[in-house]
């Protein structure tokens, strides 16, 4: 897969985050609940899609680098350099996904008056911050993995 694929998925995620903001603003300014719900649902699904596919892409890319390095007997330090991103990205992605699901759950609870609306608003703020953190870590990991692929390519070509 190309470098553009990873970037395209991140763009989908950022657009979904904007969709969250639009859904929140729509409801804040007394828009119809159905529009708020559908906008939030669509944005949440796109966010989950973006995070999960970026994670799968990074895992697959890392596995390809490890296999290539093992087959070509490249430096073990090269393979180790490709593993560091997991400690940063996986927790931030799981936090973002967990808070996105919590946001959806608190929205339903606020609608049925089981929770105060403020709980949904606070969850939104926390979830939006977690999305930004996760996308930032994913972008860093994509850059570092792409650089690693280039280094492996250079070592394979003997340059």
Protein backbone atom coordinates (compact mmCIF):
# COMPACT_ATOMS: atom_id res chain seq x y z
CA UNK A 1 0.00 0.00 0.00
CA UNK A 2 1.15 3.47 -0.63
CA UNK A 3 2.02 6.28 1.70
CA UNK A 4 -1.10 8.10 0.52
CA UNK A 5 -3.39 5.37 1.89
CA UNK A 6 -2.37 6.03 5.51
CA UNK A 7 -2.77 9.76 5.02
CA UNK A 8 -6.18 9.33 3.39
CA UNK A 9 -7.47 7.36 6.37
CA UNK A 10 -6.23 10.07 8.74
CA UNK A 11 -8.03 12.68 6.65
CA UNK A 12 -11.25 10.63 6.93
CA UNK A 13 -10.74 10.59 10.70
CA UNK A 14 -10.19 14.34 10.92
CA UNK A 15 -13.28 14.96 8.79
CA UNK A 16 -15.27 12.67 11.08
CA UNK A 17 -14.05 14.69 14.05
CA UNK A 18 -15.30 17.83 12.32
CA UNK A 19 -18.60 15.97 11.86
CA UNK A 20 -18.73 15.47 15.63
CA UNK A 21 -18.31 19.21 16.06
CA UNK A 22 -21.06 19.96 13.56
CA UNK A 23 -23.40 17.49 15.27
CA UNK A 24 -22.62 19.06 18.64
CA UNK A 25 -23.15 22.59 17.35
CA UNK A 26 -26.37 21.59 15.62
CA UNK A 27 -27.82 20.23 18.86
CA UNK A 28 -26.49 23.16 20.89
CA UNK A 29 -28.35 25.56 18.62
CA UNK A 30 -31.57 23.56 19.01
CA UNK A 31 -31.34 21.58 15.78
CA UNK A 32 -33.56 18.51 15.46
CA UNK A 33 -32.48 15.57 17.57
CA UNK A 34 -32.67 13.12 14.65
CA UNK A 35 -30.11 15.15 12.68
CA UNK A 36 -27.85 15.31 15.75
CA UNK A 37 -28.14 11.54 16.26
CA UNK A 38 -27.49 10.62 12.63
CA UNK A 39 -24.57 13.05 12.32
CA UNK A 40 -23.02 11.77 15.53
CA UNK A 41 -23.56 8.12 14.56
CA UNK A 42 -22.03 8.58 11.10
CA UNK A 43 -19.09 10.54 12.51
CA UNK A 44 -18.49 7.98 15.27
CA UNK A 45 -18.49 5.11 12.79
CA UNK A 46 -16.03 6.97 10.55
CA UNK A 47 -13.79 7.72 13.54
CA UNK A 48 -13.76 4.07 14.57
CA UNK A 49 -13.05 3.05 10.99
CA UNK A 50 -10.16 5.52 10.70
CA UNK A 51 -8.53 4.49 13.98
CA UNK A 52 -8.87 0.77 13.42
CA UNK A 53 -7.68 0.79 9.82
CA UNK A 54 -4.73 3.02 10.65
CA UNK A 55 -3.82 0.59 13.41
CA UNK A 56 -4.20 -2.42 11.08
CA UNK A 57 -2.14 -0.65 8.41
CA UNK A 58 0.65 0.10 10.89
CA UNK A 59 0.62 -3.46 12.22
CA UNK A 60 0.78 -4.89 8.71
CA UNK A 61 3.55 -2.53 7.69
CA UNK A 62 5.52 -3.43 10.81
CA UNK A 63 5.10 -7.13 10.14
CA UNK A 64 6.25 -6.69 6.53
CA UNK A 65 9.36 -4.83 7.71
CA UNK A 66 10.12 -7.55 10.28
CA UNK A 67 9.75 -10.33 7.69
CA UNK A 68 11.84 -8.50 5.13
CA UNK A 69 14.55 -7.74 7.68
CA UNK A 70 14.60 -11.38 8.83
CA UNK A 71 14.76 -12.75 5.28
CA UNK A 72 17.53 -10.36 4.26
CA UNK A 73 19.39 -10.73 7.60
CA UNK A 74 19.27 -7.00 8.24
CA UNK A 75 20.24 -5.37 11.52
CA UNK A 76 18.05 -6.33 14.53
CA UNK A 77 18.23 -2.68 15.63
CA UNK A 78 16.34 -1.81 12.48
CA UNK A 79 13.48 -4.11 13.46
CA UNK A 80 13.53 -2.88 17.07
CA UNK A 81 13.24 0.71 15.85
CA UNK A 82 9.98 -0.22 14.14
CA UNK A 83 8.34 -1.51 17.30
CA UNK A 84 8.44 1.63 19.45
CA UNK A 85 5.35 3.17 17.91
CA UNK A 86 3.10 0.49 19.41
CA UNK A 87 3.66 1.73 22.97
CA UNK A 88 2.43 5.20 21.99
CA UNK A 89 -0.24 4.52 19.42
CA UNK A 90 -2.16 1.53 20.76
CA UNK A 91 -3.05 3.10 24.15
CA UNK A 92 -4.05 6.41 22.56
CA UNK A 93 -6.21 4.64 19.95
CA UNK A 94 -7.90 2.48 22.59
CA UNK A 95 -8.56 5.56 24.73
CA UNK A 96 -10.03 7.41 21.74
CA UNK A 97 -12.25 4.47 20.80
CA UNK A 98 -13.36 3.93 24.40
CA UNK A 99 -14.28 7.58 24.86
CA UNK A 100 -16.07 7.66 21.50
CA UNK A 101 -18.23 4.76 22.62
CA UNK A 102 -18.75 6.38 26.03
CA UNK A 103 -19.85 9.56 24.26
CA UNK A 104 -22.44 7.66 22.31
CA UNK A 105 -23.64 5.89 25.47
CA UNK A 106 -23.89 9.12 27.50
CA UNK A 107 -25.82 10.67 24.61
CA UNK A 108 -28.44 7.95 24.87
CA UNK A 109 -28.48 8.28 28.65
CA UNK A 110 -28.88 12.07 28.41
CA UNK A 111 -31.71 11.68 25.89
CA UNK A 112 -33.62 9.36 28.25
CA UNK A 113 -32.79 11.62 31.22
CA UNK A 114 -30.86 8.82 32.94
CA UNK A 115 -27.79 11.12 32.98
CA UNK A 116 -27.62 14.88 33.02
CA UNK A 117 -26.87 16.48 29.66
CA UNK A 118 -23.70 17.93 31.18
CA UNK A 119 -22.24 14.40 31.43
CA UNK A 120 -22.61 14.05 27.66
CA UNK A 121 -20.99 17.45 27.10
CA UNK A 122 -18.03 16.62 29.36
CA UNK A 123 -17.62 13.25 27.65
CA UNK A 124 -17.64 15.04 24.29
CA UNK A 125 -14.82 17.33 25.38
CA UNK A 126 -12.76 14.41 26.69
CA UNK A 127 -13.49 12.27 23.62
CA UNK A 128 -12.61 15.06 21.19
CA UNK A 129 -9.30 15.61 23.00
CA UNK A 130 -8.57 11.89 22.88
CA UNK A 131 -9.26 11.85 19.13
CA UNK A 132 -6.78 14.66 18.55
CA UNK A 133 -4.16 12.86 20.66
CA UNK A 134 -4.72 9.56 18.85
CA UNK A 135 -4.58 11.13 15.38
CA UNK A 136 -1.38 12.96 16.33
CA UNK A 137 0.23 9.70 17.52
CA UNK A 138 -1.01 7.85 14.44
CA UNK A 139 0.48 10.51 12.14
CA UNK A 140 3.82 10.28 13.97
CA UNK A 141 3.78 6.49 13.71
CA UNK A 142 2.98 6.66 10.00
CA UNK A 143 5.91 9.01 9.42
CA UNK A 144 8.30 6.85 11.43
CA UNK A 145 7.15 3.61 9.77
CA UNK A 146 7.45 5.16 6.31
CA UNK A 147 10.98 6.31 7.15
CA UNK A 148 11.78 2.81 8.39
CA UNK A 149 10.52 1.29 5.13
CA UNK A 150 12.81 3.65 3.25
CA UNK A 151 15.78 2.67 5.46
CA UNK A 152 15.06 -1.02 4.86
CA UNK A 153 14.85 -0.32 1.13
CA UNK A 154 18.20 1.46 1.20
CA UNK A 155 19.83 -1.40 3.11
CA UNK A 156 18.39 -3.93 0.68
CA UNK A 157 19.69 -1.99 -2.30
CA UNK A 158 23.12 -1.73 -0.67
CA UNK A 159 23.17 2.06 -0.65
